[in-house]
């Protein structure tokens, strides 16, 4: 593995699932979920932040900026589309974003 990107994909019940996409050049050792999960658990993240599905690709999609991974392209490739899911009223909602709860100031 030379590089990794982590994306969130929409999920009906949980809101979002975590998927890790690893750049794995030809001839490298195959990506192994139990090994990767054990390593990540040792790093201390919360259990819900561990990737549920690892994916291996030969090269991550990159933009013109050096090193910048195109996350939108990865989401589209692995089934996430734009990240929009439908809410109760049928309107698109962004998963994982909270509305602002700042109190409004009333001007007399």
PDB file of N, CA and C in Angstrom:
ATOM      1  N   UNK A   1       0.832  -1.159   0.000  1.00  0.00           N
ATOM      2  CA  UNK A   1       0.000   0.000   0.000  1.00  0.00           C
ATOM      3  C   UNK A   1       0.892   1.243   0.000  1.00  0.00           C
ATOM      4  N   UNK A   2       0.603   2.166  -0.901  1.00  0.00           N
ATOM      5  CA  UNK A   2       1.414   3.376  -0.938  1.00  0.00           C
ATOM      6  C   UNK A   2       0.657   4.596  -0.434  1.00  0.00           C
ATOM      7  N   UNK A   3      -0.670   4.622  -0.625  1.00  0.00           N
ATOM      8  CA  UNK A   3      -1.475   5.757  -0.180  1.00  0.00           C
ATOM      9  C   UNK A   3      -2.897   5.276   0.053  1.00  0.00           C
ATOM     10  N   UNK A   4      -3.635   5.997   0.900  1.00  0.00           N
ATOM     11  CA  UNK A   4      -4.998   5.603   1.224  1.00  0.00           C
ATOM     12  C   UNK A   4      -5.888   6.827   1.297  1.00  0.00           C
ATOM     13  N   UNK A   5      -7.126   6.674   0.854  1.00  0.00           N
ATOM     14  CA  UNK A   5      -8.143   7.721   0.999  1.00  0.00           C
ATOM     15  C   UNK A   5      -9.335   7.090   1.708  1.00  0.00           C
ATOM     16  N   UNK A   6      -9.974   7.847   2.577  1.00  0.00           N
ATOM     17  CA  UNK A   6     -11.144   7.353   3.297  1.00  0.00           C
ATOM     18  C   UNK A   6     -12.333   8.195   2.881  1.00  0.00           C
ATOM     19  N   UNK A   7     -13.415   7.519   2.473  1.00  0.00           N
ATOM     20  CA  UNK A   7     -14.615   8.219   2.024  1.00  0.00           C
ATOM     21  C   UNK A   7     -15.815   7.725   2.820  1.00  0.00           C
ATOM     22  N   UNK A   8     -16.825   8.557   2.915  1.00  0.00           N
ATOM     23  CA  UNK A   8     -18.086   8.175   3.534  1.00  0.00           C
ATOM     24  C   UNK A   8     -19.111   7.930   2.449  1.00  0.00           C
ATOM     25  N   UNK A   9     -19.793   6.805   2.533  1.00  0.00           N
ATOM     26  CA  UNK A   9     -20.829   6.485   1.558  1.00  0.00           C
ATOM     27  C   UNK A   9     -22.184   6.487   2.252  1.00  0.00           C
ATOM     28  N   UNK A  10     -23.225   6.998   1.608  1.00  0.00           N
ATOM     29  CA  UNK A  10     -24.536   7.066   2.227  1.00  0.00           C
ATOM     30  C   UNK A  10     -25.064   5.683   2.601  1.00  0.00           C
ATOM     31  N   UNK A  11     -25.713   5.608   3.740  1.00  0.00           N
ATOM     32  CA  UNK A  11     -26.324   4.366   4.216  1.00  0.00           C
ATOM     33  C   UNK A  11     -27.689   4.721   4.788  1.00  0.00           C
ATOM     34  N   UNK A  12     -28.690   3.933   4.454  1.00  0.00           N
ATOM     35  CA  UNK A  12     -30.064   4.257   4.829  1.00  0.00           C
ATOM     36  C   UNK A  12     -30.278   4.319   6.342  1.00  0.00           C
ATOM     37  N   UNK A  13     -29.807   3.344   7.090  1.00  0.00           N
ATOM     38  CA  UNK A  13     -30.049   3.311   8.534  1.00  0.00           C
ATOM     39  C   UNK A  13     -29.024   4.107   9.339  1.00  0.00           C
ATOM     40  N   UNK A  14     -27.764   4.019   8.960  1.00  0.00           N
ATOM     41  CA  UNK A  14     -26.701   4.597   9.775  1.00  0.00           C
ATOM     42  C   UNK A  14     -26.253   5.979   9.324  1.00  0.00           C
ATOM     43  N   UNK A  15     -26.740   6.438   8.208  1.00  0.00           N
ATOM     44  CA  UNK A  15     -26.331   7.745   7.711  1.00  0.00           C
ATOM     45  C   UNK A  15     -25.144   7.663   6.777  1.00  0.00           C
ATOM     46  N   UNK A  16     -24.046   7.070   7.256  1.00  0.00           N
ATOM     47  CA  UNK A  16     -22.843   6.962   6.436  1.00  0.00           C
ATOM     48  C   UNK A  16     -22.033   5.743   6.849  1.00  0.00           C
ATOM     49  N   UNK A  17     -21.399   5.118   5.865  1.00  0.00           N
ATOM     50  CA  UNK A  17     -20.463   4.021   6.112  1.00  0.00           C
ATOM     51  C   UNK A  17     -19.077   4.488   5.706  1.00  0.00           C
ATOM     52  N   UNK A  18     -18.073   4.002   6.417  1.00  0.00           N
ATOM     53  CA  UNK A  18     -16.696   4.384   6.133  1.00  0.00           C
ATOM     54  C   UNK A  18     -16.064   3.346   5.212  1.00  0.00           C
ATOM     55  N   UNK A  19     -15.486   3.818   4.114  1.00  0.00           N
ATOM     56  CA  UNK A  19     -14.793   2.922   3.189  1.00  0.00           C
ATOM     57  C   UNK A  19     -13.393   3.457   2.938  1.00  0.00           C
ATOM     58  N   UNK A  20     -12.417   2.584   3.063  1.00  0.00           N
ATOM     59  CA  UNK A  20     -11.025   2.958   2.796  1.00  0.00           C
ATOM     60  C   UNK A  20     -10.643   2.449   1.408  1.00  0.00           C
ATOM     61  N   UNK A  21     -10.043   3.311   0.625  1.00  0.00           N
ATOM     62  CA  UNK A  21      -9.575   2.952  -0.714  1.00  0.00           C
ATOM     63  C   UNK A  21      -8.060   3.087  -0.698  1.00  0.00           C
ATOM     64  N   UNK A  22      -7.375   1.973  -0.896  1.00  0.00           N
ATOM     65  CA  UNK A  22      -5.913   1.956  -0.807  1.00  0.00           C
ATOM     66  C   UNK A  22      -5.303   1.847  -2.199  1.00  0.00           C
ATOM     67  N   UNK A  23      -4.265   2.636  -2.403  1.00  0.00           N
ATOM     68  CA  UNK A  23      -3.512   2.577  -3.653  1.00  0.00           C
ATOM     69  C   UNK A  23      -2.520   1.424  -3.514  1.00  0.00           C
ATOM     70  N   UNK A  24      -2.674   0.443  -4.384  1.00  0.00           N
ATOM     71  CA  UNK A  24      -1.851  -0.758  -4.286  1.00  0.00           C
ATOM     72  C   UNK A  24      -1.231  -1.050  -5.649  1.00  0.00           C
ATOM     73  N   UNK A  25       0.046  -0.757  -5.793  1.00  0.00           N
ATOM     74  CA  UNK A  25       0.684  -0.984  -7.087  1.00  0.00           C
ATOM     75  C   UNK A  25       0.739  -2.478  -7.423  1.00  0.00           C
ATOM     76  N   UNK A  26       0.813  -2.815  -8.715  1.00  0.00           N
ATOM     77  CA  UNK A  26       0.895  -4.221  -9.104  1.00  0.00           C
ATOM     78  C   UNK A  26       2.101  -4.901  -8.450  1.00  0.00           C
ATOM     79  N   UNK A  27       1.896  -6.126  -7.993  1.00  0.00           N
ATOM     80  CA  UNK A  27       2.970  -6.881  -7.369  1.00  0.00           C
ATOM     81  C   UNK A  27       3.076  -6.684  -5.865  1.00  0.00           C
ATOM     82  N   UNK A  28       2.306  -5.745  -5.311  1.00  0.00           N
ATOM     83  CA  UNK A  28       2.335  -5.521  -3.860  1.00  0.00           C
ATOM     84  C   UNK A  28       1.467  -6.568  -3.160  1.00  0.00           C
ATOM     85  N   UNK A  29       1.687  -6.722  -1.866  1.00  0.00           N
ATOM     86  CA  UNK A  29       0.910  -7.681  -1.087  1.00  0.00           C
ATOM     87  C   UNK A  29      -0.560  -7.263  -1.057  1.00  0.00           C
ATOM     88  N   UNK A  30      -1.464  -8.245  -1.102  1.00  0.00           N
ATOM     89  CA  UNK A  30      -2.899  -7.968  -1.160  1.00  0.00           C
ATOM     90  C   UNK A  30      -3.405  -7.341   0.146  1.00  0.00           C
ATOM     91  N   UNK A  31      -4.364  -6.428   0.017  1.00  0.00           N
ATOM     92  CA  UNK A  31      -4.972  -5.764   1.163  1.00  0.00           C
ATOM     93  C   UNK A  31      -5.771  -6.781   1.966  1.00  0.00           C
ATOM     94  N   UNK A  32      -5.568  -6.809   3.286  1.00  0.00           N
ATOM     95  CA  UNK A  32      -6.199  -7.782   4.158  1.00  0.00           C
ATOM     96  C   UNK A  32      -6.993  -7.032   5.236  1.00  0.00           C
ATOM     97  N   UNK A  33      -8.331  -7.202   5.253  1.00  0.00           N
ATOM     98  CA  UNK A  33      -9.181  -6.463   6.185  1.00  0.00           C
ATOM     99  C   UNK A  33      -8.856  -6.748   7.655  1.00  0.00           C
ATOM    100  N   UNK A  34      -8.728  -8.004   8.093  1.00  0.00           N
ATOM    101  CA  UNK A  34      -8.421  -8.230   9.511  1.00  0.00           C
ATOM    102  C   UNK A  34      -7.105  -7.583   9.960  1.00  0.00           C
ATOM    103  N   UNK A  35      -6.086  -7.653   9.120  1.00  0.00           N
ATOM    104  CA  UNK A  35      -4.798  -7.025   9.462  1.00  0.00           C
ATOM    105  C   UNK A  35      -4.931  -5.504   9.546  1.00  0.00           C
ATOM    106  N   UNK A  36      -5.612  -4.934   8.555  1.00  0.00           N
ATOM    107  CA  UNK A  36      -5.784  -3.477   8.523  1.00  0.00           C
ATOM    108  C   UNK A  36      -6.609  -3.017   9.722  1.00  0.00           C
ATOM    109  N   UNK A  37      -7.676  -3.746  10.051  1.00  0.00           N
ATOM    110  CA  UNK A  37      -8.525  -3.374  11.182  1.00  0.00           C
ATOM    111  C   UNK A  37      -7.749  -3.474  12.496  1.00  0.00           C
ATOM    112  N   UNK A  38      -6.941  -4.512  12.653  1.00  0.00           N
ATOM    113  CA  UNK A  38      -6.143  -4.670  13.876  1.00  0.00           C
ATOM    114  C   UNK A  38      -5.143  -3.519  14.015  1.00  0.00           C
ATOM    115  N   UNK A  39      -4.513  -3.141  12.908  1.00  0.00           N
ATOM    116  CA  UNK A  39      -3.566  -2.032  12.939  1.00  0.00           C
ATOM    117  C   UNK A  39      -4.283  -0.734  13.345  1.00  0.00           C
ATOM    118  N   UNK A  40      -5.432  -0.475  12.700  1.00  0.00           N
ATOM    119  CA  UNK A  40      -6.148   0.764  12.979  1.00  0.00           C
ATOM    120  C   UNK A  40      -6.677   0.801  14.414  1.00  0.00           C
ATOM    121  N   UNK A  41      -7.158  -0.336  14.934  1.00  0.00           N
ATOM    122  CA  UNK A  41      -7.627  -0.376  16.324  1.00  0.00           C
ATOM    123  C   UNK A  41      -6.511   0.006  17.282  1.00  0.00           C
ATOM    124  N   UNK A  42      -5.295  -0.401  16.956  1.00  0.00           N
ATOM    125  CA  UNK A  42      -4.139  -0.063  17.779  1.00  0.00           C
ATOM    126  C   UNK A  42      -3.813   1.422  17.762  1.00  0.00           C
ATOM    127  N   UNK A  43      -4.299   2.149  16.739  1.00  0.00           N
ATOM    128  CA  UNK A  43      -4.044   3.582  16.639  1.00  0.00           C
ATOM    129  C   UNK A  43      -5.020   4.399  17.491  1.00  0.00           C
ATOM    130  N   UNK A  44      -6.117   3.767  17.944  1.00  0.00           N
ATOM    131  CA  UNK A  44      -7.028   4.411  18.879  1.00  0.00           C
ATOM    132  C   UNK A  44      -8.248   5.149  18.361  1.00  0.00           C
ATOM    133  N   UNK A  45      -8.699   4.977  17.107  1.00  0.00           N
ATOM    134  CA  UNK A  45      -9.921   5.692  16.717  1.00  0.00           C
ATOM    135  C   UNK A  45     -11.161   5.020  17.320  1.00  0.00           C
ATOM    136  N   UNK A  46     -12.250   5.741  17.355  1.00  0.00           N
ATOM    137  CA  UNK A  46     -13.512   5.176  17.820  1.00  0.00           C
ATOM    138  C   UNK A  46     -13.941   4.063  16.866  1.00  0.00           C
ATOM    139  N   UNK A  47     -14.605   3.020  17.361  1.00  0.00           N
ATOM    140  CA  UNK A  47     -14.991   1.891  16.499  1.00  0.00           C
ATOM    141  C   UNK A  47     -15.828   2.286  15.284  1.00  0.00           C
ATOM    142  N   UNK A  48     -16.688   3.292  15.416  1.00  0.00           N
ATOM    143  CA  UNK A  48     -17.520   3.676  14.269  1.00  0.00           C
ATOM    144  C   UNK A  48     -16.725   4.402  13.189  1.00  0.00           C
ATOM    145  N   UNK A  49     -15.480   4.742  13.463  1.00  0.00           N
ATOM    146  CA  UNK A  49     -14.643   5.404  12.459  1.00  0.00           C
ATOM    147  C   UNK A  49     -13.762   4.429  11.695  1.00  0.00           C
ATOM    148  N   UNK A  50     -13.799   3.157  12.052  1.00  0.00           N
ATOM    149  CA  UNK A  50     -13.011   2.149  11.330  1.00  0.00           C
ATOM    150  C   UNK A  50     -13.671   1.844   9.994  1.00  0.00           C
ATOM    151  N   UNK A  51     -12.886   1.676   8.935  1.00  0.00           N
ATOM    152  CA  UNK A  51     -13.475   1.363   7.631  1.00  0.00           C
ATOM    153  C   UNK A  51     -14.166   0.008   7.648  1.00  0.00           C
ATOM    154  N   UNK A  52     -15.338  -0.043   7.018  1.00  0.00           N
ATOM    155  CA  UNK A  52     -16.112  -1.274   6.987  1.00  0.00           C
ATOM    156  C   UNK A  52     -15.766  -2.116   5.758  1.00  0.00           C
ATOM    157  N   UNK A  53     -15.319  -1.449   4.719  1.00  0.00           N
ATOM    158  CA  UNK A  53     -14.948  -2.163   3.492  1.00  0.00           C
ATOM    159  C   UNK A  53     -13.685  -1.555   2.915  1.00  0.00           C
ATOM    160  N   UNK A  54     -12.617  -2.319   2.868  1.00  0.00           N
ATOM    161  CA  UNK A  54     -11.433  -1.798   2.181  1.00  0.00           C
ATOM    162  C   UNK A  54     -11.520  -2.118   0.683  1.00  0.00           C
ATOM    163  N   UNK A  55     -10.988  -1.264  -0.108  1.00  0.00           N
ATOM    164  CA  UNK A  55     -10.912  -1.476  -1.555  1.00  0.00           C
ATOM    165  C   UNK A  55      -9.489  -1.200  -1.985  1.00  0.00           C
ATOM    166  N   UNK A  56      -9.019  -1.943  -2.949  1.00  0.00           N
ATOM    167  CA  UNK A  56      -7.673  -1.727  -3.485  1.00  0.00           C
ATOM    168  C   UNK A  56      -7.789  -1.296  -4.944  1.00  0.00           C
ATOM    169  N   UNK A  57      -7.062  -0.254  -5.300  1.00  0.00           N
ATOM    170  CA  UNK A  57      -6.997   0.227  -6.687  1.00  0.00           C
ATOM    171  C   UNK A  57      -5.532   0.396  -7.056  1.00  0.00           C
ATOM    172  N   UNK A  58      -5.243   0.320  -8.351  1.00  0.00           N
ATOM    173  CA  UNK A  58      -3.852   0.495  -8.794  1.00  0.00           C
ATOM    174  C   UNK A  58      -3.365   1.913  -8.549  1.00  0.00           C
ATOM    175  N   UNK A  59      -4.254   2.897  -8.770  1.00  0.00           N
ATOM    176  CA  UNK A  59      -3.880   4.302  -8.551  1.00  0.00           C
ATOM    177  C   UNK A  59      -5.114   5.083  -8.130  1.00  0.00           C
ATOM    178  N   UNK A  60      -4.960   5.943  -7.139  1.00  0.00           N
ATOM    179  CA  UNK A  60      -6.048   6.823  -6.720  1.00  0.00           C
ATOM    180  C   UNK A  60      -6.184   7.946  -7.746  1.00  0.00           C
ATOM    181  N   UNK A  61      -7.420   8.390  -8.032  1.00  0.00           N
ATOM    182  CA  UNK A  61      -7.589   9.495  -8.980  1.00  0.00           C
ATOM    183  C   UNK A  61      -7.063  10.792  -8.368  1.00  0.00           C
ATOM    184  N   UNK A  62      -6.221  11.473  -9.104  1.00  0.00           N
ATOM    185  CA  UNK A  62      -5.614  12.708  -8.590  1.00  0.00           C
ATOM    186  C   UNK A  62      -5.894  13.871  -9.535  1.00  0.00           C
ATOM    187  N   UNK A  63      -5.960  15.055  -8.961  1.00  0.00           N
ATOM    188  CA  UNK A  63      -6.200  16.273  -9.732  1.00  0.00           C
ATOM    189  C   UNK A  63      -4.900  16.924 -10.149  1.00  0.00           C
ATOM    190  N   UNK A  64      -5.002  18.171 -10.604  1.00  0.00           N
ATOM    191  CA  UNK A  64      -3.832  18.910 -11.072  1.00  0.00           C
ATOM    192  C   UNK A  64      -2.911  19.304  -9.920  1.00  0.00           C
ATOM    193  N   UNK A  65      -3.484  19.504  -8.724  1.00  0.00           N
ATOM    194  CA  UNK A  65      -2.672  19.838  -7.553  1.00  0.00           C
ATOM    195  C   UNK A  65      -1.891  18.600  -7.145  1.00  0.00           C
ATOM    196  N   UNK A  66      -0.591  18.696  -6.949  1.00  0.00           N
ATOM    197  CA  UNK A  66       0.200  17.516  -6.602  1.00  0.00           C
ATOM    198  C   UNK A  66      -0.285  16.847  -5.318  1.00  0.00           C
ATOM    199  N   UNK A  67      -0.565  15.553  -5.416  1.00  0.00           N
ATOM    200  CA  UNK A  67      -0.966  14.768  -4.254  1.00  0.00           C
ATOM    201  C   UNK A  67      -2.439  14.838  -3.899  1.00  0.00           C
ATOM    202  N   UNK A  68      -3.228  15.709  -4.528  1.00  0.00           N
ATOM    203  CA  UNK A  68      -4.637  15.888  -4.187  1.00  0.00           C
ATOM    204  C   UNK A  68      -5.477  14.760  -4.783  1.00  0.00           C
ATOM    205  N   UNK A  69      -6.142  13.989  -3.906  1.00  0.00           N
ATOM    206  CA  UNK A  69      -7.003  12.887  -4.351  1.00  0.00           C
ATOM    207  C   UNK A  69      -8.392  13.441  -4.642  1.00  0.00           C
ATOM    208  N   UNK A  70      -8.981  13.030  -5.761  1.00  0.00           N
ATOM    209  CA  UNK A  70     -10.315  13.473  -6.150  1.00  0.00           C
ATOM    210  C   UNK A  70     -11.357  12.616  -5.432  1.00  0.00           C
ATOM    211  N   UNK A  71     -11.817  13.087  -4.263  1.00  0.00           N
ATOM    212  CA  UNK A  71     -12.737  12.320  -3.425  1.00  0.00           C
ATOM    213  C   UNK A  71     -14.096  12.115  -4.099  1.00  0.00           C
ATOM    214  N   UNK A  72     -14.576  13.118  -4.813  1.00  0.00           N
ATOM    215  CA  UNK A  72     -15.863  12.989  -5.500  1.00  0.00           C
ATOM    216  C   UNK A  72     -15.848  11.862  -6.515  1.00  0.00           C
ATOM    217  N   UNK A  73     -14.733  11.733  -7.214  1.00  0.00           N
ATOM    218  CA  UNK A  73     -14.601  10.653  -8.192  1.00  0.00           C
ATOM    219  C   UNK A  73     -14.606   9.295  -7.497  1.00  0.00           C
ATOM    220  N   UNK A  74     -13.955   9.205  -6.352  1.00  0.00           N
ATOM    221  CA  UNK A  74     -13.959   7.943  -5.593  1.00  0.00           C
ATOM    222  C   UNK A  74     -15.365   7.602  -5.116  1.00  0.00           C
ATOM    223  N   UNK A  75     -16.101   8.598  -4.607  1.00  0.00           N
ATOM    224  CA  UNK A  75     -17.472   8.350  -4.152  1.00  0.00           C
ATOM    225  C   UNK A  75     -18.342   7.854  -5.298  1.00  0.00           C
ATOM    226  N   UNK A  76     -18.200   8.482  -6.460  1.00  0.00           N
ATOM    227  CA  UNK A  76     -18.975   8.055  -7.618  1.00  0.00           C
ATOM    228  C   UNK A  76     -18.606   6.650  -8.071  1.00  0.00           C
ATOM    229  N   UNK A  77     -17.340   6.335  -8.009  1.00  0.00           N
ATOM    230  CA  UNK A  77     -16.863   5.018  -8.444  1.00  0.00           C
ATOM    231  C   UNK A  77     -17.323   3.895  -7.532  1.00  0.00           C
ATOM    232  N   UNK A  78     -17.399   4.173  -6.231  1.00  0.00           N
ATOM    233  CA  UNK A  78     -17.764   3.132  -5.279  1.00  0.00           C
ATOM    234  C   UNK A  78     -19.193   3.239  -4.775  1.00  0.00           C
ATOM    235  N   UNK A  79     -20.041   3.953  -5.511  1.00  0.00           N
ATOM    236  CA  UNK A  79     -21.464   3.933  -5.216  1.00  0.00           C
ATOM    237  C   UNK A  79     -21.999   5.038  -4.353  1.00  0.00           C
ATOM    238  N   UNK A  80     -21.207   6.042  -4.064  1.00  0.00           N
ATOM    239  CA  UNK A  80     -21.702   7.103  -3.202  1.00  0.00           C
ATOM    240  C   UNK A  80     -22.307   8.265  -3.953  1.00  0.00           C
ATOM    241  N   UNK A  81     -22.072   8.357  -5.245  1.00  0.00           N
ATOM    242  CA  UNK A  81     -22.570   9.494  -6.006  1.00  0.00           C
ATOM    243  C   UNK A  81     -22.026  10.793  -5.437  1.00  0.00           C
ATOM    244  N   UNK A  82     -22.900  11.763  -5.249  1.00  0.00           N
ATOM    245  CA  UNK A  82     -22.474  13.056  -4.722  1.00  0.00           C
ATOM    246  C   UNK A  82     -22.518  13.088  -3.206  1.00  0.00           C
ATOM    247  N   UNK A  83     -23.020  12.033  -2.599  1.00  0.00           N
ATOM    248  CA  UNK A  83     -23.144  12.014  -1.148  1.00  0.00           C
ATOM    249  C   UNK A  83     -24.516  12.472  -0.694  1.00  0.00           C
ATOM    250  N   UNK A  84     -25.409  12.844  -1.636  1.00  0.00           N
ATOM    251  CA  UNK A  84     -26.736  13.308  -1.257  1.00  0.00           C
ATOM    252  C   UNK A  84     -27.683  12.126  -1.081  1.00  0.00           C
ATOM    253  N   UNK A  85     -28.451  12.144  -0.027  1.00  0.00           N
ATOM    254  CA  UNK A  85     -29.485  11.137   0.194  1.00  0.00           C
ATOM    255  C   UNK A  85     -30.802  11.863   0.359  1.00  0.00           C
ATOM    256  N   UNK A  86     -31.900  11.161   0.194  1.00  0.00           N
ATOM    257  CA  UNK A  86     -33.212  11.787   0.288  1.00  0.00           C
ATOM    258  C   UNK A  86     -33.717  11.770   1.724  1.00  0.00           C
ATOM    259  N   UNK A  87     -34.214  12.893   2.172  1.00  0.00           N
ATOM    260  CA  UNK A  87     -34.779  13.005   3.517  1.00  0.00           C
ATOM    261  C   UNK A  87     -36.239  12.602   3.523  1.00  0.00           C
ATOM    262  N   UNK A  88     -36.917  12.879   4.627  1.00  0.00           N
ATOM    263  CA  UNK A  88     -38.327  12.498   4.765  1.00  0.00           C
ATOM    264  C   UNK A  88     -39.209  13.173   3.737  1.00  0.00           C
ATOM    265  N   UNK A  89     -38.893  14.381   3.352  1.00  0.00           N
ATOM    266  CA  UNK A  89     -39.718  15.126   2.400  1.00  0.00           C
ATOM    267  C   UNK A  89     -39.289  14.903   0.958  1.00  0.00           C
ATOM    268  N   UNK A  90     -38.314  14.027   0.731  1.00  0.00           N
ATOM    269  CA  UNK A  90     -37.848  13.764  -0.618  1.00  0.00           C
ATOM    270  C   UNK A  90     -36.798  14.741  -1.107  1.00  0.00           C
ATOM    271  N   UNK A  91     -36.402  15.671  -0.261  1.00  0.00           N
ATOM    272  CA  UNK A  91     -35.389  16.644  -0.642  1.00  0.00           C
ATOM    273  C   UNK A  91     -33.998  16.092  -0.373  1.00  0.00           C
ATOM    274  N   UNK A  92     -33.008  16.413  -1.213  1.00  0.00           N
ATOM    275  CA  UNK A  92     -31.653  15.933  -0.945  1.00  0.00           C
ATOM    276  C   UNK A  92     -31.116  16.508   0.357  1.00  0.00           C
ATOM    277  N   UNK A  93     -30.433  15.679   1.116  1.00  0.00           N
ATOM    278  CA  UNK A  93     -29.796  16.120   2.348  1.00  0.00           C
ATOM    279  C   UNK A  93     -28.349  15.677   2.314  1.00  0.00           C
ATOM    280  N   UNK A  94     -27.482  16.481   2.903  1.00  0.00           N
ATOM    281  CA  UNK A  94     -26.078  16.090   2.995  1.00  0.00           C
ATOM    282  C   UNK A  94     -25.907  15.240   4.243  1.00  0.00           C
ATOM    283  N   UNK A  95     -25.312  14.070   4.080  1.00  0.00           N
ATOM    284  CA  UNK A  95     -25.077  13.183   5.214  1.00  0.00           C
ATOM    285  C   UNK A  95     -23.920  13.721   6.042  1.00  0.00           C
ATOM    286  N   UNK A  96     -24.072  13.687   7.349  1.00  0.00           N
ATOM    287  CA  UNK A  96     -22.987  14.050   8.232  1.00  0.00           C
ATOM    288  C   UNK A  96     -22.831  15.539   8.494  1.00  0.00           C
ATOM    289  N   UNK A  97     -23.704  16.356   7.967  1.00  0.00           N
ATOM    290  CA  UNK A  97     -23.614  17.794   8.211  1.00  0.00           C
ATOM    291  C   UNK A  97     -24.730  18.205   9.156  1.00  0.00           C
ATOM    292  N   UNK A  98     -24.393  18.981  10.146  1.00  0.00           N
ATOM    293  CA  UNK A  98     -25.384  19.452  11.101  1.00  0.00           C
ATOM    294  C   UNK A  98     -25.800  20.870  10.752  1.00  0.00           C
ATOM    295  N   UNK A  99     -27.065  21.180  10.959  1.00  0.00           N
ATOM    296  CA  UNK A  99     -27.469  22.567  10.742  1.00  0.00           C
ATOM    297  C   UNK A  99     -26.898  23.454  11.840  1.00  0.00           C
ATOM    298  N   UNK A 100     -26.837  24.714  11.582  1.00  0.00           N
ATOM    299  CA  UNK A 100     -26.320  25.650  12.568  1.00  0.00           C
ATOM    300  C   UNK A 100     -27.372  25.867  13.658  1.00  0.00           C
ATOM    301  N   UNK A 101     -26.962  25.750  14.919  1.00  0.00           N
ATOM    302  CA  UNK A 101     -27.889  25.928  16.023  1.00  0.00           C
ATOM    303  C   UNK A 101     -27.614  27.214  16.795  1.00  0.00           C
ATOM    304  N   UNK A 102     -27.067  28.181  16.134  1.00  0.00           N
ATOM    305  CA  UNK A 102     -26.810  29.456  16.797  1.00  0.00           C
ATOM    306  C   UNK A 102     -28.118  30.178  17.051  1.00  0.00           C
ATOM    307  N   UNK A 103     -28.285  30.737  18.263  1.00  0.00           N
ATOM    308  CA  UNK A 103     -29.536  31.464  18.529  1.00  0.00           C
ATOM    309  C   UNK A 103     -29.610  32.731  17.670  1.00  0.00           C
ATOM    310  N   UNK A 104     -30.782  33.035  17.255  1.00  0.00           N
ATOM    311  CA  UNK A 104     -30.974  34.238  16.449  1.00  0.00           C
ATOM    312  C   UNK A 104     -31.029  35.460  17.356  1.00  0.00           C
ATOM    313  N   UNK A 105     -30.483  36.534  16.883  1.00  0.00           N
ATOM    314  CA  UNK A 105     -30.543  37.780  17.643  1.00  0.00           C
ATOM    315  C   UNK A 105     -31.749  38.571  17.174  1.00  0.00           C
ATOM    316  N   UNK A 106     -32.545  38.961  18.121  1.00  0.00           N
ATOM    317  CA  UNK A 106     -33.733  39.727  17.775  1.00  0.00           C
ATOM    318  C   UNK A 106     -33.419  41.198  17.985  1.00  0.00           C
ATOM    319  N   UNK A 107     -33.627  41.972  16.945  1.00  0.00           N
ATOM    320  CA  UNK A 107     -33.387  43.411  17.013  1.00  0.00           C
ATOM    321  C   UNK A 107     -34.715  44.094  17.279  1.00  0.00           C
ATOM    322  N   UNK A 108     -34.805  44.887  18.389  1.00  0.00           N
ATOM    323  CA  UNK A 108     -36.090  45.553  18.700  1.00  0.00           C
ATOM    324  C   UNK A 108     -36.428  46.652  17.735  1.00  0.00           C
TER     325      UNK A 108
END
